[in-house]
PDB file of N, CA and C in Angstrom:
ATOM      1  N   MET A   1      67.692  88.370  36.774  1.00  0.00           N
ATOM      2  CA  MET A   1      66.350  88.630  36.320  1.00  0.00           C
ATOM      3  C   MET A   1      65.618  89.384  37.410  1.00  0.00           C
ATOM      4  N   THR A   2      64.763  90.265  36.942  1.00  0.00           N
ATOM      5  CA  THR A   2      63.968  91.073  37.850  1.00  0.00           C
ATOM      6  C   THR A   2      62.668  91.464  37.154  1.00  0.00           C
ATOM      7  N   THR A   3      61.729  91.933  37.911  1.00  0.00           N
ATOM      8  CA  THR A   3      60.517  92.517  37.333  1.00  0.00           C
ATOM      9  C   THR A   3      60.473  94.020  37.604  1.00  0.00           C
ATOM     10  N   ASP A   4      61.530  94.559  38.177  1.00  0.00           N
ATOM     11  CA  ASP A   4      61.605  95.975  38.526  1.00  0.00           C
ATOM     12  C   ASP A   4      61.924  96.801  37.277  1.00  0.00           C
ATOM     13  N   LYS A   5      60.886  97.356  36.666  1.00  0.00           N
ATOM     14  CA  LYS A   5      61.066  98.131  35.440  1.00  0.00           C
ATOM     15  C   LYS A   5      61.678  99.506  35.699  1.00  0.00           C
ATOM     16  N   ASN A   6      61.758  99.910  36.940  1.00  0.00           N
ATOM     17  CA  ASN A   6      62.359 101.196  37.284  1.00  0.00           C
ATOM     18  C   ASN A   6      63.820 101.062  37.699  1.00  0.00           C
ATOM     19  N   LEU A   7      64.362  99.884  37.628  1.00  0.00           N
ATOM     20  CA  LEU A   7      65.730  99.635  38.079  1.00  0.00           C
ATOM     21  C   LEU A   7      66.728 100.585  37.437  1.00  0.00           C
ATOM     22  N   ARG A   8      66.611 100.807  36.149  1.00  0.00           N
ATOM     23  CA  ARG A   8      67.588 101.665  35.473  1.00  0.00           C
ATOM     24  C   ARG A   8      67.493 103.114  35.930  1.00  0.00           C
ATOM     25  N   TYR A   9      66.362 103.510  36.502  1.00  0.00           N
ATOM     26  CA  TYR A   9      66.207 104.870  37.008  1.00  0.00           C
ATOM     27  C   TYR A   9      66.608 104.971  38.486  1.00  0.00           C
ATOM     28  N   GLN A  10      66.614 103.836  39.185  1.00  0.00           N
ATOM     29  CA  GLN A  10      66.897 103.827  40.620  1.00  0.00           C
ATOM     30  C   GLN A  10      68.367 103.542  40.928  1.00  0.00           C
ATOM     31  N   GLN A  11      69.060 102.905  39.988  1.00  0.00           N
ATOM     32  CA  GLN A  11      70.435 102.485  40.228  1.00  0.00           C
ATOM     33  C   GLN A  11      71.344 103.000  39.114  1.00  0.00           C
ATOM     34  N   ASN A  12      72.598 103.225  39.453  1.00  0.00           N
ATOM     35  CA  ASN A  12      73.595 103.567  38.454  1.00  0.00           C
ATOM     36  C   ASN A  12      74.077 102.256  37.837  1.00  0.00           C
ATOM     37  N   LEU A  13      73.727 102.003  36.595  1.00  0.00           N
ATOM     38  CA  LEU A  13      74.060 100.742  35.946  1.00  0.00           C
ATOM     39  C   LEU A  13      75.355 100.824  35.140  1.00  0.00           C
ATOM     40  N   LYS A  14      75.990 101.980  35.156  1.00  0.00           N
ATOM     41  CA  LYS A  14      77.239 102.153  34.416  1.00  0.00           C
ATOM     42  C   LYS A  14      78.344 101.300  35.037  1.00  0.00           C
ATOM     43  N   ASN A  15      79.129 100.679  34.188  1.00  0.00           N
ATOM     44  CA  ASN A  15      80.292  99.872  34.593  1.00  0.00           C
ATOM     45  C   ASN A  15      79.933  98.652  35.439  1.00  0.00           C
ATOM     46  N   ARG A  16      78.743  98.158  35.303  1.00  0.00           N
ATOM     47  CA  ARG A  16      78.371  96.953  36.053  1.00  0.00           C
ATOM     48  C   ARG A  16      78.931  95.724  35.341  1.00  0.00           C
ATOM     49  N   LYS A  17      79.065  94.645  36.078  1.00  0.00           N
ATOM     50  CA  LYS A  17      79.648  93.425  35.520  1.00  0.00           C
ATOM     51  C   LYS A  17      78.632  92.297  35.419  1.00  0.00           C
ATOM     52  N   LEU A  18      77.372  92.633  35.555  1.00  0.00           N
ATOM     53  CA  LEU A  18      76.350  91.598  35.454  1.00  0.00           C
ATOM     54  C   LEU A  18      75.325  91.986  34.398  1.00  0.00           C
ATOM     55  N   ALA A  19      74.657  91.000  33.876  1.00  0.00           N
ATOM     56  CA  ALA A  19      73.606  91.232  32.893  1.00  0.00           C
ATOM     57  C   ALA A  19      72.279  91.382  33.634  1.00  0.00           C
ATOM     58  N   ILE A  20      71.420  92.216  33.094  1.00  0.00           N
ATOM     59  CA  ILE A  20      70.104  92.422  33.689  1.00  0.00           C
ATOM     60  C   ILE A  20      69.045  92.110  32.637  1.00  0.00           C
ATOM     61  N   VAL A  21      68.129  91.236  32.991  1.00  0.00           N
ATOM     62  CA  VAL A  21      66.983  90.922  32.145  1.00  0.00           C
ATOM     63  C   VAL A  21      65.737  91.273  32.956  1.00  0.00           C
ATOM     64  N   VAL A  22      64.943  92.206  32.447  1.00  0.00           N
ATOM     65  CA  VAL A  22      63.738  92.649  33.134  1.00  0.00           C
ATOM     66  C   VAL A  22      62.542  91.925  32.517  1.00  0.00           C
ATOM     67  N   LEU A  23      61.855  91.171  33.348  1.00  0.00           N
ATOM     68  CA  LEU A  23      60.675  90.439  32.902  1.00  0.00           C
ATOM     69  C   LEU A  23      59.470  91.375  32.848  1.00  0.00           C
ATOM     70  N   PRO A  24      58.498  91.073  31.995  1.00  0.00           N
ATOM     71  CA  PRO A  24      57.352  91.974  31.853  1.00  0.00           C
ATOM     72  C   PRO A  24      56.411  91.990  33.053  1.00  0.00           C
ATOM     73  N   CYS A  25      56.430  90.925  33.868  1.00  0.00           N
ATOM     74  CA  CYS A  25      55.551  90.853  35.033  1.00  0.00           C
ATOM     75  C   CYS A  25      56.069  89.761  35.962  1.00  0.00           C
ATOM     76  N   ALA A  26      55.421  89.596  37.101  1.00  0.00           N
ATOM     77  CA  ALA A  26      55.803  88.552  38.046  1.00  0.00           C
ATOM     78  C   ALA A  26      54.746  87.452  38.119  1.00  0.00           C
ATOM     79  N   HIS A  27      53.792  87.494  37.231  1.00  0.00           N
ATOM     80  CA  HIS A  27      52.666  86.553  37.225  1.00  0.00           C
ATOM     81  C   HIS A  27      53.061  85.295  36.440  1.00  0.00           C
ATOM     82  N   TRP A  28      53.251  84.176  37.158  1.00  0.00           N
ATOM     83  CA  TRP A  28      53.758  82.951  36.549  1.00  0.00           C
ATOM     84  C   TRP A  28      52.955  82.492  35.333  1.00  0.00           C
ATOM     85  N   PRO A  29      51.634  82.442  35.358  1.00  0.00           N
ATOM     86  CA  PRO A  29      50.910  81.996  34.157  1.00  0.00           C
ATOM     87  C   PRO A  29      51.228  82.848  32.919  1.00  0.00           C
ATOM     88  N   ALA A  30      51.397  84.147  33.104  1.00  0.00           N
ATOM     89  CA  ALA A  30      51.745  85.023  31.982  1.00  0.00           C
ATOM     90  C   ALA A  30      53.177  84.771  31.524  1.00  0.00           C
ATOM     91  N   LEU A  31      54.084  84.552  32.463  1.00  0.00           N
ATOM     92  CA  LEU A  31      55.482  84.288  32.109  1.00  0.00           C
ATOM     93  C   LEU A  31      55.631  82.969  31.368  1.00  0.00           C
ATOM     94  N   GLN A  32      54.831  81.981  31.720  1.00  0.00           N
ATOM     95  CA  GLN A  32      54.898  80.684  31.047  1.00  0.00           C
ATOM     96  C   GLN A  32      54.655  80.826  29.549  1.00  0.00           C
ATOM     97  N   LEU A  33      53.855  81.794  29.170  1.00  0.00           N
ATOM     98  CA  LEU A  33      53.564  82.015  27.758  1.00  0.00           C
ATOM     99  C   LEU A  33      54.755  82.619  27.009  1.00  0.00           C
ATOM    100  N   GLN A  34      55.723  83.138  27.766  1.00  0.00           N
ATOM    101  CA  GLN A  34      56.887  83.787  27.161  1.00  0.00           C
ATOM    102  C   GLN A  34      58.192  83.043  27.458  1.00  0.00           C
ATOM    103  N   ILE A  35      58.108  81.781  27.789  1.00  0.00           N
ATOM    104  CA  ILE A  35      59.299  81.022  28.175  1.00  0.00           C
ATOM    105  C   ILE A  35      60.374  81.086  27.100  1.00  0.00           C
ATOM    106  N   LYS A  36      60.010  80.912  25.836  1.00  0.00           N
ATOM    107  CA  LYS A  36      61.005  80.929  24.761  1.00  0.00           C
ATOM    108  C   LYS A  36      61.701  82.285  24.660  1.00  0.00           C
ATOM    109  N   GLU A  37      60.953  83.364  24.793  1.00  0.00           N
ATOM    110  CA  GLU A  37      61.543  84.703  24.747  1.00  0.00           C
ATOM    111  C   GLU A  37      62.471  84.927  25.936  1.00  0.00           C
ATOM    112  N   ILE A  38      62.074  84.445  27.103  1.00  0.00           N
ATOM    113  CA  ILE A  38      62.903  84.590  28.300  1.00  0.00           C
ATOM    114  C   ILE A  38      64.190  83.778  28.146  1.00  0.00           C
ATOM    115  N   GLN A  39      64.077  82.556  27.648  1.00  0.00           N
ATOM    116  CA  GLN A  39      65.264  81.733  27.424  1.00  0.00           C
ATOM    117  C   GLN A  39      66.214  82.406  26.444  1.00  0.00           C
ATOM    118  N   GLN A  40      65.681  82.957  25.375  1.00  0.00           N
ATOM    119  CA  GLN A  40      66.511  83.634  24.376  1.00  0.00           C
ATOM    120  C   GLN A  40      67.215  84.840  24.992  1.00  0.00           C
ATOM    121  N   ALA A  41      66.497  85.609  25.790  1.00  0.00           N
ATOM    122  CA  ALA A  41      67.089  86.775  26.448  1.00  0.00           C
ATOM    123  C   ALA A  41      68.227  86.353  27.366  1.00  0.00           C
ATOM    124  N   LEU A  42      68.048  85.248  28.081  1.00  0.00           N
ATOM    125  CA  LEU A  42      69.098  84.773  28.983  1.00  0.00           C
ATOM    126  C   LEU A  42      70.308  84.281  28.210  1.00  0.00           C
ATOM    127  N   LEU A  43      70.079  83.677  27.053  1.00  0.00           N
ATOM    128  CA  LEU A  43      71.199  83.235  26.219  1.00  0.00           C
ATOM    129  C   LEU A  43      71.982  84.412  25.652  1.00  0.00           C
ATOM    130  N   LEU A  44      71.292  85.494  25.354  1.00  0.00           N
ATOM    131  CA  LEU A  44      71.931  86.677  24.786  1.00  0.00           C
ATOM    132  C   LEU A  44      72.573  87.574  25.842  1.00  0.00           C
ATOM    133  N   ALA A  45      72.187  87.409  27.083  1.00  0.00           N
ATOM    134  CA  ALA A  45      72.678  88.271  28.161  1.00  0.00           C
ATOM    135  C   ALA A  45      74.189  88.128  28.332  1.00  0.00           C
ATOM    136  N   LYS A  46      74.861  89.243  28.301  1.00  0.00           N
ATOM    137  CA  LYS A  46      76.311  89.314  28.496  1.00  0.00           C
ATOM    138  C   LYS A  46      76.591  90.305  29.621  1.00  0.00           C
ATOM    139  N   PRO A  47      77.727  90.174  30.273  1.00  0.00           N
ATOM    140  CA  PRO A  47      78.051  91.131  31.334  1.00  0.00           C
ATOM    141  C   PRO A  47      77.894  92.577  30.851  1.00  0.00           C
ATOM    142  N   GLY A  48      77.150  93.351  31.606  1.00  0.00           N
ATOM    143  CA  GLY A  48      76.917  94.748  31.276  1.00  0.00           C
ATOM    144  C   GLY A  48      75.686  94.999  30.427  1.00  0.00           C
ATOM    145  N   SER A  49      75.024  93.948  29.939  1.00  0.00           N
ATOM    146  CA  SER A  49      73.848  94.153  29.090  1.00  0.00           C
ATOM    147  C   SER A  49      72.596  94.400  29.933  1.00  0.00           C
ATOM    148  N   TYR A  50      71.638  95.082  29.312  1.00  0.00           N
ATOM    149  CA  TYR A  50      70.349  95.378  29.935  1.00  0.00           C
ATOM    150  C   TYR A  50      69.296  95.099  28.882  1.00  0.00           C
ATOM    151  N   LEU A  51      68.378  94.187  29.171  1.00  0.00           N
ATOM    152  CA  LEU A  51      67.318  93.838  28.229  1.00  0.00           C
ATOM    153  C   LEU A  51      65.999  93.812  28.967  1.00  0.00           C
ATOM    154  N   GLU A  52      65.046  94.566  28.453  1.00  0.00           N
ATOM    155  CA  GLU A  52      63.713  94.623  29.053  1.00  0.00           C
ATOM    156  C   GLU A  52      62.733  93.953  28.094  1.00  0.00           C
ATOM    157  N   LEU A  53      62.103  92.881  28.542  1.00  0.00           N
ATOM    158  CA  LEU A  53      61.136  92.160  27.722  1.00  0.00           C
ATOM    159  C   LEU A  53      59.777  92.845  27.800  1.00  0.00           C
ATOM    160  N   ALA A  54      59.057  92.801  26.696  1.00  0.00           N
ATOM    161  CA  ALA A  54      57.726  93.439  26.647  1.00  0.00           C
ATOM    162  C   ALA A  54      56.653  92.419  26.946  1.00  0.00           C
TER     163      ALA A  54
END
């Protein structure tokens, strides 16, 4: 998990073996409101996947 929304532009993500979930912000009170969406994204994350939450 990261909050770096530019990661896909800064790094070559081709052929990676890890899943990336990009959170919409780093502000804990705001993230608490999206816990279910974050949990779902983590459950769906598979090696090589990239998911950016809004």
